[in-house]
C-alpha atoms as a PDB file:
ATOM      1  CA  MET A   1      -2.078  75.736   1.150  1.00  0.00           C
ATOM      2  CA  MET A   2      -4.810  73.149   0.612  1.00  0.00           C
ATOM      3  CA  ARG A   3      -3.552  72.467  -2.922  1.00  0.00           C
ATOM      4  CA  ARG A   4      -0.050  71.867  -1.637  1.00  0.00           C
ATOM      5  CA  LEU A   5      -1.338  69.521   1.066  1.00  0.00           C
ATOM      6  CA  ALA A   6      -3.469  67.602  -1.454  1.00  0.00           C
ATOM      7  CA  PHE A   7      -0.507  67.308  -3.827  1.00  0.00           C
ATOM      8  CA  THR A   8       1.697  65.976  -1.008  1.00  0.00           C
ATOM      9  CA  CYS A   9      -0.930  63.404  -0.014  1.00  0.00           C
ATOM     10  CA  LEU A  10      -1.233  62.337  -3.637  1.00  0.00           C
ATOM     11  CA  ILE A  11       2.524  61.802  -3.898  1.00  0.00           C
ATOM     12  CA  PHE A  12       2.571  59.720  -0.717  1.00  0.00           C
ATOM     13  CA  THR A  13      -0.393  57.660  -1.906  1.00  0.00           C
ATOM     14  CA  LEU A  14       1.171  56.943  -5.284  1.00  0.00           C
ATOM     15  CA  SER A  15       4.478  56.017  -3.644  1.00  0.00           C
ATOM     16  CA  TYR A  16       2.691  53.619  -1.314  1.00  0.00           C
ATOM     17  CA  LEU A  17       0.789  51.989  -4.165  1.00  0.00           C
ATOM     18  CA  LEU A  18       3.865  51.653  -6.342  1.00  0.00           C
ATOM     19  CA  THR A  19       5.935  50.094  -3.608  1.00  0.00           C
ATOM     20  CA  GLY A  20       3.071  47.803  -2.644  1.00  0.00           C
ATOM     21  CA  CYS A  21       2.564  46.429  -6.156  1.00  0.00           C
ATOM     22  CA  GLY A  22       6.033  44.905  -6.431  1.00  0.00           C
ATOM     23  CA  VAL A  23       6.994  41.353  -5.540  1.00  0.00           C
ATOM     24  CA  ARG A  24       8.205  41.075  -1.951  1.00  0.00           C
ATOM     25  CA  PRO A  25       9.957  38.081  -0.376  1.00  0.00           C
ATOM     26  CA  GLN A  26       8.121  36.488   2.534  1.00  0.00           C
ATOM     27  CA  VAL A  27      10.670  34.909   4.872  1.00  0.00           C
ATOM     28  CA  ASP A  28       8.965  32.600   7.381  1.00  0.00           C
ATOM     29  CA  PHE A  29      12.029  30.706   8.663  1.00  0.00           C
ATOM     30  CA  TYR A  30      15.760  31.220   8.942  1.00  0.00           C
ATOM     31  CA  VAL A  31      17.976  28.150   8.517  1.00  0.00           C
ATOM     32  CA  THR A  32      21.379  28.505  10.190  1.00  0.00           C
ATOM     33  CA  PRO A  33      24.190  25.946  10.552  1.00  0.00           C
ATOM     34  CA  VAL A  34      24.789  24.215  13.871  1.00  0.00           C
ATOM     35  CA  PRO A  35      28.287  23.268  15.160  1.00  0.00           C
ATOM     36  CA  THR A  36      29.217  19.570  15.132  1.00  0.00           C
ATOM     37  CA  GLU A  37      32.080  17.501  16.523  1.00  0.00           C
ATOM     38  CA  MET A  38      33.994  17.682  13.233  1.00  0.00           C
ATOM     39  CA  GLU A  39      37.045  19.896  13.611  1.00  0.00           C
ATOM     40  CA  GLN A  40      37.180  20.589   9.872  1.00  0.00           C
ATOM     41  CA  MET A  41      33.882  22.473   9.915  1.00  0.00           C
ATOM     42  CA  LYS A  42      33.807  26.247  10.314  1.00  0.00           C
ATOM     43  CA  ILE A  43      30.630  28.344  10.554  1.00  0.00           C
ATOM     44  CA  ASP A  44      30.223  31.833   9.120  1.00  0.00           C
ATOM     45  CA  GLU A  45      27.362  33.319  11.145  1.00  0.00           C
ATOM     46  CA  GLU A  46      27.072  36.442   9.017  1.00  0.00           C
ATOM     47  CA  ALA A  47      26.694  34.475   5.775  1.00  0.00           C
ATOM     48  CA  ARG A  48      24.775  31.657   7.513  1.00  0.00           C
ATOM     49  CA  SER A  49      27.077  29.131   5.836  1.00  0.00           C
ATOM     50  CA  VAL A  50      29.267  26.240   6.941  1.00  0.00           C
ATOM     51  CA  THR A  51      32.599  25.209   5.385  1.00  0.00           C
ATOM     52  CA  MET A  52      34.137  21.754   5.577  1.00  0.00           C
ATOM     53  CA  GLU A  53      37.852  21.458   4.793  1.00  0.00           C
ATOM     54  CA  GLY A  54      39.402  18.136   3.808  1.00  0.00           C
ATOM     55  CA  ARG A  55      41.803  16.535   6.278  1.00  0.00           C
ATOM     56  CA  ASP A  56      44.800  17.420   4.085  1.00  0.00           C
ATOM     57  CA  GLY A  57      43.289  20.664   2.855  1.00  0.00           C
ATOM     58  CA  ASP A  58      42.908  19.221  -0.624  1.00  0.00           C
ATOM     59  CA  TYR A  59      39.278  20.316  -1.052  1.00  0.00           C
ATOM     60  CA  SER A  60      36.556  22.358   0.625  1.00  0.00           C
ATOM     61  CA  ILE A  61      32.760  22.231   0.633  1.00  0.00           C
ATOM     62  CA  ILE A  62      30.634  25.292   1.491  1.00  0.00           C
ATOM     63  CA  VAL A  63      26.915  24.872   2.210  1.00  0.00           C
ATOM     64  CA  SER A  64      24.289  27.512   3.004  1.00  0.00           C
ATOM     65  CA  SER A  65      20.502  27.570   3.037  1.00  0.00           C
ATOM     66  CA  LEU A  66      18.591  29.955   0.777  1.00  0.00           C
ATOM     67  CA  ASP A  67      15.428  31.749   1.885  1.00  0.00           C
ATOM     68  CA  ALA A  68      12.807  33.542  -0.193  1.00  0.00           C
ATOM     69  CA  ALA A  69      14.866  36.740  -0.424  1.00  0.00           C
ATOM     70  CA  ASP A  70      17.876  34.835  -1.785  1.00  0.00           C
ATOM     71  CA  LEU A  71      15.797  32.821  -4.255  1.00  0.00           C
ATOM     72  CA  LEU A  72      14.013  35.920  -5.516  1.00  0.00           C
ATOM     73  CA  GLU A  73      17.347  37.299  -6.729  1.00  0.00           C
ATOM     74  CA  VAL A  74      17.972  34.301  -8.990  1.00  0.00           C
ATOM     75  CA  THR A  75      15.935  35.856 -11.822  1.00  0.00           C
ATOM     76  CA  SER A  76      14.943  39.403 -12.717  1.00  0.00           C
ATOM     77  CA  ASP A  77      11.373  38.230 -13.447  1.00  0.00           C
ATOM     78  CA  ALA A  78       9.781  36.517 -10.447  1.00  0.00           C
ATOM     79  CA  TYR A  79       7.160  34.782 -12.593  1.00  0.00           C
ATOM     80  CA  ILE A  80       9.710  32.626 -14.400  1.00  0.00           C
ATOM     81  CA  ASN A  81      11.581  31.777 -11.208  1.00  0.00           C
ATOM     82  CA  PRO A  82      11.119  28.032 -10.575  1.00  0.00           C
ATOM     83  CA  TYR A  83      12.158  28.254  -6.921  1.00  0.00           C
ATOM     84  CA  ILE A  84       9.400  30.595  -5.694  1.00  0.00           C
ATOM     85  CA  TYR A  85       5.712  31.249  -6.174  1.00  0.00           C
ATOM     86  CA  VAL A  86       4.001  34.633  -5.965  1.00  0.00           C
ATOM     87  CA  ASP A  87       0.526  34.981  -4.474  1.00  0.00           C
ATOM     88  CA  ASP A  88      -2.137  37.517  -5.427  1.00  0.00           C
ATOM     89  CA  TRP A  89      -0.750  40.025  -2.920  1.00  0.00           C
ATOM     90  CA  GLY A  90       2.752  39.997  -4.395  1.00  0.00           C
ATOM     91  CA  SER A  91       4.372  37.930  -1.636  1.00  0.00           C
ATOM     92  CA  ALA A  92       7.026  35.470  -2.818  1.00  0.00           C
ATOM     93  CA  ARG A  93       7.527  32.217  -0.913  1.00  0.00           C
ATOM     94  CA  PRO A  94       9.791  29.246  -1.640  1.00  0.00           C
ATOM     95  CA  ARG A  95       8.431  26.280  -3.555  1.00  0.00           C
ATOM     96  CA  TYR A  96      11.256  24.049  -2.335  1.00  0.00           C
ATOM     97  CA  THR A  97      13.932  23.767   0.317  1.00  0.00           C
ATOM     98  CA  VAL A  98      17.112  24.918  -1.428  1.00  0.00           C
ATOM     99  CA  PHE A  99      20.770  24.766  -0.378  1.00  0.00           C
ATOM    100  CA  ASP A 100      23.636  26.548  -2.074  1.00  0.00           C
ATOM    101  CA  VAL A 101      26.689  24.261  -2.410  1.00  0.00           C
ATOM    102  CA  THR A 102      30.221  25.089  -3.560  1.00  0.00           C
ATOM    103  CA  ILE A 103      33.089  22.597  -3.801  1.00  0.00           C
ATOM    104  CA  ARG A 104      36.708  23.532  -4.599  1.00  0.00           C
ATOM    105  CA  ASN A 105      39.556  21.255  -5.626  1.00  0.00           C
ATOM    106  CA  LYS A 106      42.774  22.461  -3.964  1.00  0.00           C
ATOM    107  CA  ARG A 107      45.040  19.589  -4.974  1.00  0.00           C
ATOM    108  CA  GLU A 108      46.937  18.880  -8.172  1.00  0.00           C
ATOM    109  CA  GLU A 109      45.058  15.704  -9.112  1.00  0.00           C
ATOM    110  CA  PRO A 110      41.481  15.655 -10.432  1.00  0.00           C
ATOM    111  CA  LEU A 111      38.742  15.365  -7.823  1.00  0.00           C
ATOM    112  CA  GLY A 112      35.525  13.436  -8.308  1.00  0.00           C
ATOM    113  CA  ILE A 113      32.872  13.936  -5.606  1.00  0.00           C
ATOM    114  CA  ASP A 114      29.186  13.494  -6.361  1.00  0.00           C
ATOM    115  CA  LEU A 115      27.095  15.697  -4.068  1.00  0.00           C
ATOM    116  CA  THR A 116      23.872  15.490  -6.097  1.00  0.00           C
ATOM    117  CA  THR A 117      22.652  12.360  -4.286  1.00  0.00           C
ATOM    118  CA  ALA A 118      22.161  14.229  -1.035  1.00  0.00           C
ATOM    119  CA  VAL A 119      19.386  13.421   1.434  1.00  0.00           C
ATOM    120  CA  LEU A 120      17.691  15.896   3.761  1.00  0.00           C
ATOM    121  CA  MET A 121      16.269  14.702   7.094  1.00  0.00           C
ATOM    122  CA  ASP A 122      14.305  16.638   9.697  1.00  0.00           C
ATOM    123  CA  ASP A 123      14.097  16.095  13.443  1.00  0.00           C
ATOM    124  CA  GLU A 124      10.998  13.914  13.016  1.00  0.00           C
ATOM    125  CA  GLY A 125      12.932  11.441  10.855  1.00  0.00           C
ATOM    126  CA  GLU A 126      11.233  12.475   7.616  1.00  0.00           C
ATOM    127  CA  GLN A 127      13.604  12.062   4.639  1.00  0.00           C
ATOM    128  CA  TYR A 128      13.638  14.114   1.466  1.00  0.00           C
ATOM    129  CA  GLU A 129      15.704  13.130  -1.543  1.00  0.00           C
ATOM    130  CA  ALA A 130      17.260  15.753  -3.794  1.00  0.00           C
ATOM    131  CA  ILE A 131      15.157  16.487  -6.868  1.00  0.00           C
ATOM    132  CA  THR A 132      17.024  15.883 -10.123  1.00  0.00           C
ATOM    133  CA  TYR A 133      16.926  18.094 -13.185  1.00  0.00           C
ATOM    134  CA  GLU A 134      15.243  15.303 -15.176  1.00  0.00           C
ATOM    135  CA  GLU A 135      12.320  15.372 -12.740  1.00  0.00           C
ATOM    136  CA  PHE A 136      12.022  19.137 -13.118  1.00  0.00           C
ATOM    137  CA  LYS A 137      12.282  18.854 -16.890  1.00  0.00           C
ATOM    138  CA  GLU A 138       9.309  16.507 -16.947  1.00  0.00           C
ATOM    139  CA  ARG A 139       7.396  18.645 -14.472  1.00  0.00           C
ATOM    140  CA  TYR A 140       7.807  21.876 -16.425  1.00  0.00           C
ATOM    141  CA  SER A 141       7.192  20.415 -19.876  1.00  0.00           C
ATOM    142  CA  ARG A 142       3.459  19.823 -19.492  1.00  0.00           C
ATOM    143  CA  TYR A 143       2.274  23.400 -19.551  1.00  0.00           C
ATOM    144  CA  PRO A 144       1.254  24.985 -22.859  1.00  0.00           C
ATOM    145  CA  GLU A 145       2.825  28.194 -24.022  1.00  0.00           C
ATOM    146  CA  MET A 146       1.028  31.471 -23.522  1.00  0.00           C
ATOM    147  CA  GLU A 147       0.694  34.169 -26.145  1.00  0.00           C
ATOM    148  CA  ARG A 148       0.496  37.889 -25.805  1.00  0.00           C
ATOM    149  CA  GLU A 149       0.246  40.637 -28.399  1.00  0.00           C
ATOM    150  CA  ILE A 150       2.364  43.778 -28.348  1.00  0.00           C
ATOM    151  CA  ILE A 151       1.139  46.759 -30.366  1.00  0.00           C
ATOM    152  CA  TYR A 152       3.711  48.851 -32.252  1.00  0.00           C
ATOM    153  CA  TYR A 153       2.606  52.146 -33.783  1.00  0.00           C
ATOM    154  CA  ARG A 154       3.944  52.956 -37.225  1.00  0.00           C
ATOM    155  CA  SER A 155       3.791  55.660 -39.842  1.00  0.00           C
ATOM    156  CA  SER A 156       0.801  55.976 -42.176  1.00  0.00           C
ATOM    157  CA  ARG A 157       2.416  53.717 -44.813  1.00  0.00           C
ATOM    158  CA  VAL A 158       1.570  50.138 -43.947  1.00  0.00           C
ATOM    159  CA  TYR A 159       1.648  47.521 -46.659  1.00  0.00           C
ATOM    160  CA  ARG A 160      -0.938  44.786 -47.024  1.00  0.00           C
ATOM    161  CA  PRO A 161      -0.316  41.352 -45.479  1.00  0.00           C
ATOM    162  CA  ARG A 162       0.668  38.515 -47.762  1.00  0.00           C
ATOM    163  CA  SER A 163      -1.960  36.075 -48.875  1.00  0.00           C
ATOM    164  CA  TYR A 164      -0.569  33.084 -47.015  1.00  0.00           C
ATOM    165  CA  TYR A 165      -1.186  34.673 -43.624  1.00  0.00           C
ATOM    166  CA  TRP A 166      -4.726  33.327 -43.630  1.00  0.00           C
ATOM    167  CA  ARG A 167      -3.577  29.712 -43.434  1.00  0.00           C
ATOM    168  CA  ARG A 168      -4.235  28.161 -40.084  1.00  0.00           C
ATOM    169  CA  PHE A 169      -1.087  26.108 -39.909  1.00  0.00           C
ATOM    170  CA  TYR A 170       1.112  29.147 -40.504  1.00  0.00           C
ATOM    171  CA  ARG A 171       1.478  31.542 -37.600  1.00  0.00           C
ATOM    172  CA  PRO A 172       3.779  34.455 -38.493  1.00  0.00           C
ATOM    173  CA  TRP A 173       5.830  36.217 -35.850  1.00  0.00           C
ATOM    174  CA  TYR A 174       3.974  39.394 -36.728  1.00  0.00           C
ATOM    175  CA  TYR A 175       1.082  40.545 -38.892  1.00  0.00           C
ATOM    176  CA  HIS A 176      -0.048  43.917 -40.215  1.00  0.00           C
ATOM    177  CA  TYR A 177      -3.248  45.865 -40.094  1.00  0.00           C
ATOM    178  CA  ASP A 178      -3.830  47.409 -43.499  1.00  0.00           C
ATOM    179  CA  LEU A 179      -4.269  51.149 -43.252  1.00  0.00           C
ATOM    180  CA  TYR A 180      -6.253  51.345 -46.442  1.00  0.00           C
ATOM    181  CA  ARG A 181      -8.730  48.687 -45.353  1.00  0.00           C
ATOM    182  CA  GLU A 182      -9.147  49.231 -41.637  1.00  0.00           C
ATOM    183  CA  GLN A 183      -7.634  52.685 -41.141  1.00  0.00           C
ATOM    184  CA  ARG A 184      -5.303  51.535 -38.335  1.00  0.00           C
ATOM    185  CA  PRO A 185      -1.723  52.873 -38.535  1.00  0.00           C
ATOM    186  CA  TYR A 186      -0.110  50.168 -36.415  1.00  0.00           C
ATOM    187  CA  TYR A 187       0.760  46.503 -36.487  1.00  0.00           C
ATOM    188  CA  VAL A 188       0.749  43.780 -33.873  1.00  0.00           C
ATOM    189  CA  ARG A 189       3.592  41.428 -33.090  1.00  0.00           C
ATOM    190  CA  ARG A 190       2.949  38.002 -31.584  1.00  0.00           C
ATOM    191  CA  THR A 191       5.269  37.173 -28.705  1.00  0.00           C
ATOM    192  CA  TYR A 192       5.232  33.670 -27.308  1.00  0.00           C
ATOM    193  CA  TYR A 193       5.757  33.616 -23.572  1.00  0.00           C
ATOM    194  CA  ASP A 194       6.553  30.113 -22.373  1.00  0.00           C
ATOM    195  CA  PRO A 195       7.260  30.260 -18.616  1.00  0.00           C
ATOM    196  CA  SER A 196       8.008  26.545 -18.392  1.00  0.00           C
ATOM    197  CA  TYR A 197      10.808  26.919 -20.948  1.00  0.00           C
ATOM    198  CA  PHE A 198      12.445  29.734 -18.971  1.00  0.00           C
ATOM    199  CA  ARG A 199      12.050  27.834 -15.709  1.00  0.00           C
ATOM    200  CA  ARG A 200      13.797  24.819 -17.192  1.00  0.00           C
ATOM    201  CA  ALA A 201      16.594  27.087 -18.420  1.00  0.00           C
ATOM    202  CA  VAL A 202      16.995  28.613 -14.952  1.00  0.00           C
ATOM    203  CA  LEU A 203      17.067  25.178 -13.323  1.00  0.00           C
ATOM    204  CA  LYS A 204      19.624  23.875 -15.800  1.00  0.00           C
ATOM    205  CA  GLY A 205      21.900  26.834 -15.147  1.00  0.00           C
ATOM    206  CA  THR A 206      21.650  26.873 -11.355  1.00  0.00           C
ATOM    207  CA  MET A 207      21.310  23.267 -10.138  1.00  0.00           C
ATOM    208  CA  LEU A 208      24.381  21.386  -8.909  1.00  0.00           C
ATOM    209  CA  LYS A 209      25.804  18.914 -11.420  1.00  0.00           C
ATOM    210  CA  PRO A 210      28.183  15.965 -10.895  1.00  0.00           C
ATOM    211  CA  VAL A 211      31.432  16.978 -12.607  1.00  0.00           C
ATOM    212  CA  LYS A 212      35.100  16.068 -12.303  1.00  0.00           C
ATOM    213  CA  LEU A 213      37.104  18.965 -10.917  1.00  0.00           C
ATOM    214  CA  TYR A 214      40.646  19.469 -12.122  1.00  0.00           C
ATOM    215  CA  ALA A 215      43.340  21.289 -10.153  1.00  0.00           C
ATOM    216  CA  GLY A 216      41.961  24.605  -8.911  1.00  0.00           C
ATOM    217  CA  GLY A 217      38.469  23.842 -10.250  1.00  0.00           C
ATOM    218  CA  LYS A 218      35.206  24.872  -8.604  1.00  0.00           C
ATOM    219  CA  ASN A 219      31.669  23.527  -8.862  1.00  0.00           C
ATOM    220  CA  HIS A 220      28.749  25.603  -7.649  1.00  0.00           C
ATOM    221  CA  GLY A 221      25.011  25.006  -7.721  1.00  0.00           C
ATOM    222  CA  PHE A 222      21.773  24.418  -5.840  1.00  0.00           C
ATOM    223  CA  LEU A 223      20.531  21.264  -4.149  1.00  0.00           C
ATOM    224  CA  VAL A 224      16.733  21.273  -4.302  1.00  0.00           C
ATOM    225  CA  PHE A 225      14.493  19.283  -1.968  1.00  0.00           C
ATOM    226  CA  PRO A 226      10.737  19.202  -1.396  1.00  0.00           C
ATOM    227  CA  LEU A 227       9.468  21.788   1.024  1.00  0.00           C
ATOM    228  CA  VAL A 228       9.953  20.489   4.561  1.00  0.00           C
ATOM    229  CA  ALA A 229       7.189  20.454   7.162  1.00  0.00           C
ATOM    230  CA  PRO A 230       6.519  23.842   8.832  1.00  0.00           C
ATOM    231  CA  ASP A 231       7.073  22.404  12.323  1.00  0.00           C
ATOM    232  CA  ALA A 232      10.534  21.001  11.529  1.00  0.00           C
ATOM    233  CA  ALA A 233      13.051  22.566  13.932  1.00  0.00           C
ATOM    234  CA  ARG A 234      16.289  20.841  12.873  1.00  0.00           C
ATOM    235  CA  LEU A 235      17.577  19.652   9.514  1.00  0.00           C
ATOM    236  CA  LYS A 236      20.408  17.315   8.609  1.00  0.00           C
ATOM    237  CA  LEU A 237      21.951  17.380   5.128  1.00  0.00           C
ATOM    238  CA  ILE A 238      23.540  14.018   4.353  1.00  0.00           C
ATOM    239  CA  PHE A 239      25.952  13.187   1.517  1.00  0.00           C
ATOM    240  CA  PRO A 240      25.941   9.346   1.323  1.00  0.00           C
ATOM    241  CA  ARG A 241      28.824   9.107  -1.154  1.00  0.00           C
ATOM    242  CA  VAL A 242      31.265  11.292   0.771  1.00  0.00           C
ATOM    243  CA  GLU A 243      33.169  10.118   3.839  1.00  0.00           C
ATOM    244  CA  VAL A 244      35.435  12.118   6.143  1.00  0.00           C
ATOM    245  CA  ASP A 245      37.654  10.117   8.511  1.00  0.00           C
ATOM    246  CA  GLY A 246      35.536   7.048   7.840  1.00  0.00           C
ATOM    247  CA  GLU A 247      32.283   8.837   8.686  1.00  0.00           C
ATOM    248  CA  ARG A 248      29.504   9.929   6.391  1.00  0.00           C
ATOM    249  CA  LEU A 249      29.553  13.659   5.631  1.00  0.00           C
ATOM    250  CA  GLU A 250      26.685  15.534   7.300  1.00  0.00           C
ATOM    251  CA  PHE A 251      25.764  19.171   7.811  1.00  0.00           C
ATOM    252  CA  HIS A 252      23.391  20.167  10.623  1.00  0.00           C
ATOM    253  CA  PHE A 253      21.078  23.173  10.547  1.00  0.00           C
ATOM    254  CA  GLU A 254      18.620  24.831  12.893  1.00  0.00           C
ATOM    255  CA  ARG A 255      15.329  26.243  11.662  1.00  0.00           C
ATOM    256  CA  THR A 256      13.926  29.235  13.574  1.00  0.00           C
ATOM    257  CA  PRO A 257      10.795  31.274  12.777  1.00  0.00           C
ATOM    258  CA  ALA A 258      11.399  34.754  11.441  1.00  0.00           C
ATOM    259  CA  VAL A 259      10.352  37.665  13.615  1.00  0.00           C
ATOM    260  CA  LYS A 260       7.353  39.403  12.059  1.00  0.00           C
END
C-alpha cells in the first residue's frame, strides 16, 4: 500500500514539474475594441476584433489586439519569438504592443492603402509610432551568433580528421574524434544557433507591408508599437493616410487588467 502511495505521489510530482517547466503566457491586460460613431464599424466581442467596411463595400479592414497568449503561438520556439520575452520562471510577456490587421479588396480595380504609418495614442496623449522592419533589422543584427555542440554516437569505425581541420580560419560543420587516438566512438557536429537571424525572419514574415491589392486580394500582418504605459486605460489606433467620409480613420480600444 505504501509503495503504491509513494508511486502515485511521484507521478503527481513529476507531472507538476514537467508542466511547470514549460513557457506560459502571462496576460496582464486585455485590449478590446470600443464602439464609435462610425456606422461602418462592427465589433466581434468573441474575437475581440473590429471591422470597418468601406462606404460602398469595396474594401474592409479588420483590427484586433494580440496579447501574450496570441504572440506565443507565432513561433514553435519561444526563444526566437521577437514579440515576447521569457523570464527565468518561464513566463512569457509581450515586448511590444501588437495589433493584427487584415485588409481585403472587394472591388474590381486595384486598391492601394498604406496602413504601415499608423500611430498609437493612449488616454494621456502619449503617441507611439509603428516600428518599421528596417528598425528591427538593425536592432537584431548586433548580436553575435551562439554555438552549441550536438554529440552523435557512431559505430567503432571512425576515420581520422583531415589535416586542414587545424586551421583557425576554417571551421567545418562537423569534426571527428579518432577512435584509434582517443578511443571515443562518436563525433560532434557544430550547430550555429543565431536567434537574431530567426527573429528577423519571423518579423519579415509577419509584419504588415504596404502592397497594392488587386481584385479579391488580401493583405495581413502585424502593426508593432513600443510597449504602452501600464496605467494606460484607453488606446486609439490612427491611420493618417486613410480617410472615411472625409474623416481620418481611427480605431478605439479599452485596456482592462486581467483577473488573476
